């Protein structure tokens, strides 16, 4: 498989990408990470980009994410909001887990907001839903569907006992 080549190919699997827990707030439009490819103070940011950035990109398709390498003496993350404001997050000397936890607290959506969004995403008033608590009790109430055999008998050729065991009336 060609996608299983390179360093840590697990990062390109859907299971790994979907396991990310950082959903950025809706107001964030641009997310930039500045770091150097050398230096021990930049190691946590490099690891964060290697392990967590694909998950962030997968979970936040509406956010533009840029990595700027070898342009700064200290590593940092900058978030641009739709209002024009920006937030700087210092990542100097932090590990990848510390950076991820800090981002979850500062620019990530809370668990309550995520739970409310998943509930809102489930469409409750879908006309295709039927059963207890829905608009229709049975699919036979939908126009164009086969009626219930209790209210209107099915044609004999549709019933198994007439099809397989020829029963004379």
N, C-alpha and C. Protein backbone atom coordinates (compact mmCIF):
# COMPACT_ATOMS: atom_id res chain seq x y z
N UNK A 1 0.84 -1.18 0.00
CA UNK A 1 0.00 0.00 0.00
C UNK A 1 0.89 1.25 0.00
N UNK A 2 0.69 2.14 -0.94
CA UNK A 2 1.57 3.30 -1.04
C UNK A 2 1.40 4.29 0.11
N UNK A 3 0.23 4.36 0.74
CA UNK A 3 0.05 5.33 1.81
C UNK A 3 0.67 4.87 3.12
N UNK A 4 1.17 3.64 3.19
CA UNK A 4 1.78 3.13 4.41
C UNK A 4 3.30 3.26 4.38
N UNK A 5 3.82 4.16 3.57
CA UNK A 5 5.26 4.40 3.50
C UNK A 5 5.59 5.71 4.20
N UNK A 6 6.85 5.86 4.56
CA UNK A 6 7.30 7.09 5.18
C UNK A 6 7.33 6.99 6.69
N UNK A 7 7.71 8.07 7.36
CA UNK A 7 7.78 8.04 8.83
C UNK A 7 6.39 8.03 9.46
N UNK A 8 6.17 7.08 10.34
CA UNK A 8 4.91 6.96 11.09
C UNK A 8 3.69 7.01 10.17
N UNK A 9 3.50 5.99 9.33
CA UNK A 9 2.37 6.01 8.40
C UNK A 9 1.01 5.93 9.09
N UNK A 10 1.00 5.63 10.38
CA UNK A 10 -0.26 5.59 11.13
C UNK A 10 -0.96 6.95 11.08
N UNK A 11 -0.18 8.01 10.90
CA UNK A 11 -0.75 9.37 10.88
C UNK A 11 -1.68 9.61 9.72
N UNK A 12 -1.64 8.75 8.70
CA UNK A 12 -2.48 8.95 7.52
C UNK A 12 -3.70 8.03 7.51
N UNK A 13 -3.96 7.33 8.57
CA UNK A 13 -5.15 6.48 8.62
C UNK A 13 -6.34 7.27 9.14
N UNK A 14 -7.52 6.92 8.70
CA UNK A 14 -8.72 7.64 9.12
C UNK A 14 -8.99 7.47 10.61
N UNK A 15 -8.67 6.31 11.14
CA UNK A 15 -8.88 6.07 12.57
C UNK A 15 -8.03 7.01 13.40
N UNK A 16 -6.78 7.21 13.00
CA UNK A 16 -5.90 8.12 13.73
C UNK A 16 -6.35 9.57 13.57
N UNK A 17 -6.70 9.95 12.33
CA UNK A 17 -7.12 11.34 12.09
C UNK A 17 -8.40 11.67 12.84
N UNK A 18 -9.32 10.73 12.91
CA UNK A 18 -10.59 10.97 13.61
C UNK A 18 -10.45 10.97 15.12
N UNK A 19 -9.33 10.46 15.64
CA UNK A 19 -9.14 10.40 17.09
C UNK A 19 -8.69 11.73 17.69
N UNK A 20 -8.45 12.72 16.87
CA UNK A 20 -8.04 14.03 17.39
C UNK A 20 -9.13 14.67 18.22
N UNK A 21 -8.72 15.36 19.28
CA UNK A 21 -9.72 15.94 20.19
C UNK A 21 -9.73 17.46 20.16
N UNK A 22 -8.97 18.09 19.28
CA UNK A 22 -8.92 19.56 19.23
C UNK A 22 -9.80 20.06 18.09
N UNK A 23 -10.98 20.56 18.46
CA UNK A 23 -11.86 21.23 17.51
C UNK A 23 -11.76 22.72 17.82
N UNK A 24 -11.26 23.49 16.87
CA UNK A 24 -11.07 24.92 17.09
C UNK A 24 -12.41 25.65 17.11
N UNK A 25 -12.44 26.75 17.82
CA UNK A 25 -13.66 27.56 17.89
C UNK A 25 -14.01 28.08 16.50
N UNK A 26 -15.29 28.36 16.29
CA UNK A 26 -15.76 28.79 14.97
C UNK A 26 -15.21 30.15 14.56
N UNK A 27 -14.81 30.97 15.52
CA UNK A 27 -14.31 32.30 15.21
C UNK A 27 -12.89 32.27 14.63
N UNK A 28 -12.16 31.18 14.80
CA UNK A 28 -10.77 31.09 14.32
C UNK A 28 -10.79 30.76 12.84
N UNK A 29 -10.11 31.58 12.05
CA UNK A 29 -10.07 31.38 10.61
C UNK A 29 -8.68 30.97 10.12
N UNK A 30 -7.61 31.43 10.78
CA UNK A 30 -6.25 31.09 10.37
C UNK A 30 -5.47 30.66 11.60
N UNK A 31 -4.69 29.60 11.46
CA UNK A 31 -3.93 29.00 12.56
C UNK A 31 -2.50 28.80 12.04
N UNK A 32 -1.54 29.56 12.55
CA UNK A 32 -0.16 29.44 12.08
C UNK A 32 0.73 28.94 13.19
N UNK A 33 1.72 28.11 12.81
CA UNK A 33 2.70 27.58 13.75
C UNK A 33 4.08 27.98 13.25
N UNK A 34 4.84 28.65 14.10
CA UNK A 34 6.18 29.11 13.76
C UNK A 34 7.18 28.34 14.62
N UNK A 35 8.16 27.72 13.96
CA UNK A 35 9.19 26.97 14.69
C UNK A 35 10.40 26.78 13.79
N UNK A 36 11.50 26.32 14.39
CA UNK A 36 12.72 26.00 13.65
C UNK A 36 12.87 24.49 13.60
N UNK A 37 13.59 23.99 12.59
CA UNK A 37 13.78 22.56 12.46
C UNK A 37 14.94 22.06 13.31
N UNK A 38 15.69 22.96 13.91
CA UNK A 38 16.78 22.58 14.82
C UNK A 38 16.58 23.29 16.14
N UNK A 39 17.25 22.81 17.16
CA UNK A 39 17.18 23.44 18.48
C UNK A 39 16.30 22.65 19.43
N UNK A 40 16.79 22.51 20.67
CA UNK A 40 16.05 21.69 21.63
C UNK A 40 14.80 22.39 22.15
N UNK A 41 14.73 23.71 22.13
CA UNK A 41 13.54 24.41 22.60
C UNK A 41 12.39 24.31 21.60
N UNK A 42 12.70 23.95 20.37
CA UNK A 42 11.69 23.81 19.33
C UNK A 42 11.20 22.36 19.19
N UNK A 43 11.79 21.42 19.96
CA UNK A 43 11.48 20.01 19.80
C UNK A 43 10.01 19.70 20.07
N UNK A 44 9.43 20.28 21.10
CA UNK A 44 8.02 20.04 21.41
C UNK A 44 7.10 20.52 20.30
N UNK A 45 7.41 21.67 19.72
CA UNK A 45 6.60 22.20 18.63
C UNK A 45 6.76 21.34 17.38
N UNK A 46 7.98 20.86 17.11
CA UNK A 46 8.18 19.97 15.96
C UNK A 46 7.39 18.68 16.14
N UNK A 47 7.43 18.11 17.34
CA UNK A 47 6.66 16.89 17.61
C UNK A 47 5.16 17.15 17.51
N UNK A 48 4.72 18.32 17.99
CA UNK A 48 3.31 18.68 17.89
C UNK A 48 2.87 18.73 16.43
N UNK A 49 3.68 19.35 15.58
CA UNK A 49 3.35 19.44 14.15
C UNK A 49 3.34 18.05 13.53
N UNK A 50 4.28 17.19 13.93
CA UNK A 50 4.38 15.86 13.34
C UNK A 50 3.20 14.98 13.74
N UNK A 51 2.80 15.02 15.02
CA UNK A 51 1.78 14.09 15.52
C UNK A 51 0.37 14.67 15.55
N UNK A 52 0.20 15.92 15.91
CA UNK A 52 -1.14 16.47 16.13
C UNK A 52 -1.68 17.32 14.99
N UNK A 53 -0.81 17.90 14.18
CA UNK A 53 -1.29 18.79 13.12
C UNK A 53 -2.18 18.08 12.09
N UNK A 54 -1.88 16.85 11.67
CA UNK A 54 -2.82 16.18 10.73
C UNK A 54 -4.21 16.00 11.32
N UNK A 55 -4.28 15.71 12.63
CA UNK A 55 -5.59 15.55 13.27
C UNK A 55 -6.34 16.88 13.30
N UNK A 56 -5.62 17.97 13.58
CA UNK A 56 -6.26 19.29 13.62
C UNK A 56 -6.77 19.67 12.23
N UNK A 57 -5.97 19.39 11.20
CA UNK A 57 -6.41 19.70 9.85
C UNK A 57 -7.63 18.87 9.46
N UNK A 58 -7.68 17.62 9.87
CA UNK A 58 -8.81 16.75 9.53
C UNK A 58 -10.08 17.18 10.25
N UNK A 59 -9.96 17.58 11.51
CA UNK A 59 -11.13 17.94 12.31
C UNK A 59 -11.62 19.36 12.04
N UNK A 60 -10.77 20.22 11.46
CA UNK A 60 -11.12 21.62 11.21
C UNK A 60 -10.90 21.97 9.74
N UNK A 61 -11.74 21.49 8.84
CA UNK A 61 -11.51 21.75 7.42
C UNK A 61 -11.75 23.21 7.02
N UNK A 62 -12.47 23.97 7.83
CA UNK A 62 -12.77 25.36 7.49
C UNK A 62 -11.68 26.32 7.94
N UNK A 63 -10.63 25.84 8.61
CA UNK A 63 -9.56 26.68 9.13
C UNK A 63 -8.33 26.54 8.24
N UNK A 64 -7.73 27.68 7.88
CA UNK A 64 -6.49 27.66 7.12
C UNK A 64 -5.35 27.47 8.11
N UNK A 65 -4.54 26.44 7.90
CA UNK A 65 -3.45 26.12 8.81
C UNK A 65 -2.13 26.24 8.06
N UNK A 66 -1.20 27.06 8.59
CA UNK A 66 0.10 27.29 7.97
C UNK A 66 1.19 26.94 8.96
N UNK A 67 2.27 26.35 8.46
CA UNK A 67 3.47 26.14 9.28
C UNK A 67 4.58 26.97 8.67
N UNK A 68 5.22 27.75 9.48
CA UNK A 68 6.31 28.62 9.05
C UNK A 68 7.58 28.14 9.73
N UNK A 69 8.53 27.61 8.94
CA UNK A 69 9.74 27.03 9.49
C UNK A 69 10.91 27.98 9.34
N UNK A 70 11.79 27.95 10.34
CA UNK A 70 13.07 28.67 10.32
C UNK A 70 12.91 30.17 10.08
N UNK A 71 11.89 30.77 10.68
CA UNK A 71 11.67 32.21 10.52
C UNK A 71 11.65 32.94 11.86
N UNK A 72 11.86 32.24 12.96
CA UNK A 72 11.70 32.86 14.27
C UNK A 72 12.70 32.26 15.25
N UNK A 73 13.18 33.06 16.19
CA UNK A 73 14.10 32.50 17.19
C UNK A 73 13.38 31.68 18.27
N UNK A 74 12.09 31.97 18.51
CA UNK A 74 11.33 31.21 19.50
C UNK A 74 10.07 30.65 18.86
N UNK A 75 9.66 29.45 19.24
CA UNK A 75 8.46 28.87 18.63
C UNK A 75 7.19 29.47 19.24
N UNK A 76 6.19 29.65 18.39
CA UNK A 76 4.90 30.15 18.87
C UNK A 76 3.81 29.76 17.88
N UNK A 77 2.57 29.87 18.37
CA UNK A 77 1.38 29.61 17.55
C UNK A 77 0.56 30.89 17.53
N UNK A 78 0.08 31.27 16.36
CA UNK A 78 -0.73 32.48 16.23
C UNK A 78 -2.08 32.10 15.64
N UNK A 79 -3.15 32.54 16.29
CA UNK A 79 -4.51 32.29 15.82
C UNK A 79 -5.14 33.61 15.40
N UNK A 80 -5.68 33.66 14.20
CA UNK A 80 -6.35 34.85 13.70
C UNK A 80 -7.85 34.61 13.74
N UNK A 81 -8.58 35.55 14.33
CA UNK A 81 -10.03 35.46 14.45
C UNK A 81 -10.69 36.18 13.29
N UNK A 82 -11.97 35.88 13.07
CA UNK A 82 -12.70 36.52 11.96
C UNK A 82 -12.93 38.00 12.21
N UNK A 83 -12.82 38.44 13.45
CA UNK A 83 -12.98 39.86 13.77
C UNK A 83 -11.72 40.67 13.48
N UNK A 84 -10.61 39.99 13.15
CA UNK A 84 -9.36 40.69 12.91
C UNK A 84 -8.41 40.60 14.10
N UNK A 85 -8.89 40.14 15.24
CA UNK A 85 -8.03 39.98 16.40
C UNK A 85 -7.12 38.77 16.19
N UNK A 86 -6.06 38.72 16.98
CA UNK A 86 -5.15 37.59 16.91
C UNK A 86 -4.68 37.22 18.30
N UNK A 87 -4.31 35.95 18.46
CA UNK A 87 -3.84 35.45 19.75
C UNK A 87 -2.50 34.76 19.54
N UNK A 88 -1.52 35.12 20.36
CA UNK A 88 -0.21 34.48 20.32
C UNK A 88 -0.11 33.49 21.47
N UNK A 89 0.37 32.29 21.17
CA UNK A 89 0.55 31.25 22.18
C UNK A 89 2.02 30.85 22.15
N UNK A 90 2.71 31.03 23.26
CA UNK A 90 4.13 30.70 23.36
C UNK A 90 4.29 29.20 23.59
N UNK A 91 5.13 28.55 22.78
CA UNK A 91 5.37 27.11 22.94
C UNK A 91 6.83 26.83 23.26
N UNK A 92 7.56 27.80 23.73
CA UNK A 92 8.99 27.67 24.00
C UNK A 92 9.22 26.64 25.10
N UNK A 93 9.95 25.58 24.79
CA UNK A 93 10.33 24.58 25.78
C UNK A 93 9.20 23.66 26.24
N UNK A 94 8.05 23.66 25.61
CA UNK A 94 6.94 22.80 26.01
C UNK A 94 6.97 21.50 25.22
N UNK A 95 6.38 20.46 25.81
CA UNK A 95 6.25 19.19 25.10
C UNK A 95 5.00 19.24 24.22
N UNK A 96 4.88 18.26 23.33
CA UNK A 96 3.72 18.23 22.43
C UNK A 96 2.42 18.05 23.20
N UNK A 97 2.43 17.28 24.29
CA UNK A 97 1.22 17.08 25.09
C UNK A 97 0.82 18.36 25.81
N UNK A 98 1.81 19.09 26.34
CA UNK A 98 1.52 20.37 27.01
C UNK A 98 0.93 21.37 26.02
N UNK A 99 1.47 21.40 24.81
CA UNK A 99 0.95 22.33 23.79
C UNK A 99 -0.49 21.96 23.45
N UNK A 100 -0.74 20.67 23.26
CA UNK A 100 -2.09 20.22 22.91
C UNK A 100 -3.08 20.55 24.02
N UNK A 101 -2.73 20.29 25.27
CA UNK A 101 -3.63 20.59 26.39
C UNK A 101 -3.90 22.09 26.51
N UNK A 102 -2.87 22.90 26.30
CA UNK A 102 -3.05 24.36 26.37
C UNK A 102 -3.96 24.85 25.25
N UNK A 103 -3.80 24.30 24.06
CA UNK A 103 -4.68 24.68 22.94
C UNK A 103 -6.11 24.25 23.19
N UNK A 104 -6.30 23.07 23.80
CA UNK A 104 -7.65 22.62 24.13
C UNK A 104 -8.35 23.60 25.07
N UNK A 105 -7.60 24.13 26.03
CA UNK A 105 -8.19 25.04 27.01
C UNK A 105 -8.42 26.44 26.45
N UNK A 106 -7.54 26.90 25.56
CA UNK A 106 -7.63 28.29 25.12
C UNK A 106 -8.43 28.47 23.83
N UNK A 107 -8.16 27.68 22.79
CA UNK A 107 -8.82 27.89 21.50
C UNK A 107 -9.71 26.73 21.08
N UNK A 108 -9.82 25.70 21.92
CA UNK A 108 -10.65 24.55 21.58
C UNK A 108 -12.07 24.72 22.08
N UNK A 109 -12.99 24.01 21.44
CA UNK A 109 -14.38 24.02 21.89
C UNK A 109 -14.50 23.16 23.14
N UNK A 110 -15.40 23.56 24.03
CA UNK A 110 -15.61 22.80 25.26
C UNK A 110 -16.42 21.54 24.96
N UNK A 111 -16.41 20.62 25.90
CA UNK A 111 -17.15 19.36 25.71
C UNK A 111 -18.65 19.61 25.63
N UNK A 112 -19.13 20.62 26.35
CA UNK A 112 -20.56 20.94 26.30
C UNK A 112 -20.97 21.44 24.91
N UNK A 113 -20.12 22.28 24.32
CA UNK A 113 -20.41 22.82 23.00
C UNK A 113 -20.38 21.68 21.96
N UNK A 114 -19.39 20.79 22.08
CA UNK A 114 -19.31 19.66 21.14
C UNK A 114 -20.51 18.74 21.27
N UNK A 115 -20.96 18.51 22.51
CA UNK A 115 -22.14 17.66 22.71
C UNK A 115 -23.39 18.31 22.12
N UNK A 116 -23.53 19.63 22.30
CA UNK A 116 -24.68 20.34 21.74
C UNK A 116 -24.65 20.31 20.22
N UNK A 117 -23.47 20.41 19.62
CA UNK A 117 -23.36 20.38 18.17
C UNK A 117 -23.71 19.00 17.60
N UNK A 118 -23.32 17.94 18.29
CA UNK A 118 -23.67 16.61 17.80
C UNK A 118 -25.16 16.36 17.90
N UNK A 119 -25.80 16.88 18.94
CA UNK A 119 -27.25 16.74 19.06
C UNK A 119 -27.95 17.53 17.96
N UNK A 120 -27.46 18.74 17.70
CA UNK A 120 -28.07 19.56 16.66
C UNK A 120 -27.85 18.97 15.27
N UNK A 121 -26.73 18.26 15.10
CA UNK A 121 -26.43 17.67 13.80
C UNK A 121 -27.40 16.53 13.47
N UNK A 122 -27.83 15.81 14.49
CA UNK A 122 -28.81 14.75 14.27
C UNK A 122 -30.15 15.40 13.96
N UNK A 123 -30.66 15.12 12.82
CA UNK A 123 -31.89 15.77 12.40
C UNK A 123 -33.07 14.97 12.95
N UNK A 124 -33.81 15.56 13.84
CA UNK A 124 -34.92 14.87 14.49
C UNK A 124 -36.20 14.91 13.64
N UNK A 125 -36.37 15.92 12.80
CA UNK A 125 -37.60 16.08 12.05
C UNK A 125 -37.48 15.54 10.63
N UNK A 126 -36.65 14.55 10.42
CA UNK A 126 -36.48 13.94 9.11
C UNK A 126 -37.75 13.16 8.76
N UNK A 127 -38.36 13.41 7.61
CA UNK A 127 -39.58 12.70 7.26
C UNK A 127 -39.36 11.21 7.01
N UNK A 128 -38.11 10.79 6.84
CA UNK A 128 -37.84 9.37 6.64
C UNK A 128 -37.85 8.59 7.94
N UNK A 129 -37.82 9.27 9.08
CA UNK A 129 -37.87 8.59 10.36
C UNK A 129 -39.29 8.13 10.65
N UNK A 130 -39.41 6.92 11.16
CA UNK A 130 -40.72 6.43 11.58
C UNK A 130 -40.54 5.53 12.79
N UNK A 131 -41.58 5.40 13.56
CA UNK A 131 -41.55 4.59 14.78
C UNK A 131 -42.08 5.40 15.95
N UNK A 132 -41.77 4.93 17.16
CA UNK A 132 -42.25 5.59 18.37
C UNK A 132 -41.58 6.95 18.50
N UNK A 133 -42.34 7.99 18.75
CA UNK A 133 -41.82 9.34 18.93
C UNK A 133 -41.59 10.09 17.62
N UNK A 134 -41.98 9.54 16.51
CA UNK A 134 -41.81 10.21 15.22
C UNK A 134 -43.18 10.56 14.64
N UNK A 135 -43.13 11.24 13.54
CA UNK A 135 -44.36 11.68 12.87
C UNK A 135 -45.23 10.50 12.43
N UNK A 136 -44.58 9.48 11.90
CA UNK A 136 -45.31 8.32 11.38
C UNK A 136 -44.98 7.10 12.23
N UNK A 137 -46.00 6.29 12.47
CA UNK A 137 -45.81 5.08 13.27
C UNK A 137 -45.20 3.96 12.44
N UNK A 138 -45.57 3.88 11.18
CA UNK A 138 -45.14 2.77 10.32
C UNK A 138 -44.79 3.32 8.95
N UNK A 139 -43.94 2.62 8.23
CA UNK A 139 -43.54 3.07 6.90
C UNK A 139 -44.70 2.96 5.91
N UNK A 140 -45.73 2.17 6.25
CA UNK A 140 -46.87 2.04 5.34
C UNK A 140 -47.67 3.34 5.25
N UNK A 141 -47.45 4.27 6.17
CA UNK A 141 -48.16 5.55 6.13
C UNK A 141 -47.56 6.51 5.10
N UNK A 142 -46.36 6.20 4.59
CA UNK A 142 -45.72 7.04 3.59
C UNK A 142 -46.36 6.74 2.23
N UNK A 143 -46.76 7.77 1.50
CA UNK A 143 -47.38 7.52 0.19
C UNK A 143 -46.41 6.80 -0.74
N UNK A 144 -46.94 5.80 -1.44
CA UNK A 144 -46.13 5.04 -2.38
C UNK A 144 -45.54 3.77 -1.80
N UNK A 145 -45.71 3.55 -0.50
CA UNK A 145 -45.19 2.34 0.12
C UNK A 145 -46.28 1.27 0.17
N UNK A 146 -45.88 0.04 0.39
CA UNK A 146 -46.84 -1.07 0.48
C UNK A 146 -47.64 -0.89 1.77
N UNK A 147 -48.96 -0.99 1.70
CA UNK A 147 -49.76 -0.83 2.92
C UNK A 147 -49.57 -2.01 3.87
N UNK A 148 -49.95 -1.79 5.13
CA UNK A 148 -49.86 -2.85 6.13
C UNK A 148 -50.79 -4.00 5.76
N UNK A 149 -50.34 -5.25 5.91
CA UNK A 149 -51.21 -6.39 5.61
C UNK A 149 -52.41 -6.47 6.54
N UNK A 150 -52.35 -5.82 7.70
CA UNK A 150 -53.48 -5.84 8.61
C UNK A 150 -54.64 -5.00 8.12
N UNK A 151 -54.36 -3.94 7.38
CA UNK A 151 -55.42 -3.06 6.90
C UNK A 151 -55.85 -3.40 5.48
N UNK A 152 -54.92 -3.83 4.67
CA UNK A 152 -55.20 -4.14 3.28
C UNK A 152 -54.43 -5.41 2.93
N UNK A 153 -55.10 -6.51 2.61
CA UNK A 153 -54.38 -7.76 2.35
C UNK A 153 -53.46 -7.64 1.13
N UNK A 154 -52.28 -8.27 1.26
CA UNK A 154 -51.32 -8.28 0.16
C UNK A 154 -51.81 -9.21 -0.95
N UNK A 155 -51.40 -8.98 -2.17
CA UNK A 155 -51.73 -9.92 -3.24
C UNK A 155 -51.15 -11.30 -2.93
N UNK A 156 -51.83 -12.33 -3.34
CA UNK A 156 -51.43 -13.69 -2.96
C UNK A 156 -50.06 -14.06 -3.50
N UNK A 157 -49.66 -13.53 -4.64
CA UNK A 157 -48.36 -13.87 -5.18
C UNK A 157 -47.21 -13.26 -4.37
N UNK A 158 -47.49 -12.28 -3.51
CA UNK A 158 -46.47 -11.68 -2.67
C UNK A 158 -46.29 -12.43 -1.36
N UNK A 159 -47.18 -13.32 -1.05
CA UNK A 159 -47.13 -14.04 0.21
C UNK A 159 -46.42 -15.37 0.03
N UNK A 160 -45.59 -15.74 0.97
CA UNK A 160 -44.76 -16.93 0.86
C UNK A 160 -45.54 -18.22 0.79
N UNK A 161 -46.61 -18.32 1.57
CA UNK A 161 -47.33 -19.60 1.59
C UNK A 161 -48.04 -19.87 0.27
N UNK A 162 -48.37 -18.84 -0.48
CA UNK A 162 -48.98 -19.04 -1.79
C UNK A 162 -47.92 -19.23 -2.85
N UNK A 163 -46.75 -18.64 -2.63
CA UNK A 163 -45.70 -18.73 -3.64
C UNK A 163 -45.03 -20.10 -3.62
N UNK A 164 -44.72 -20.57 -2.41
CA UNK A 164 -43.97 -21.82 -2.30
C UNK A 164 -44.88 -23.04 -2.11
N UNK A 165 -45.93 -22.89 -1.39
CA UNK A 165 -46.91 -23.97 -1.20
C UNK A 165 -48.20 -23.52 -1.87
N UNK A 166 -48.45 -24.05 -3.00
CA UNK A 166 -49.63 -23.61 -3.74
C UNK A 166 -50.85 -24.06 -2.96
N UNK A 167 -51.59 -23.07 -2.46
CA UNK A 167 -52.76 -23.33 -1.66
C UNK A 167 -53.98 -23.00 -2.51
N UNK A 168 -54.87 -23.90 -2.59
CA UNK A 168 -56.07 -23.70 -3.38
C UNK A 168 -57.14 -23.06 -2.50
N UNK A 169 -57.87 -22.13 -3.01
CA UNK A 169 -58.99 -21.51 -2.27
C UNK A 169 -60.29 -22.04 -2.75
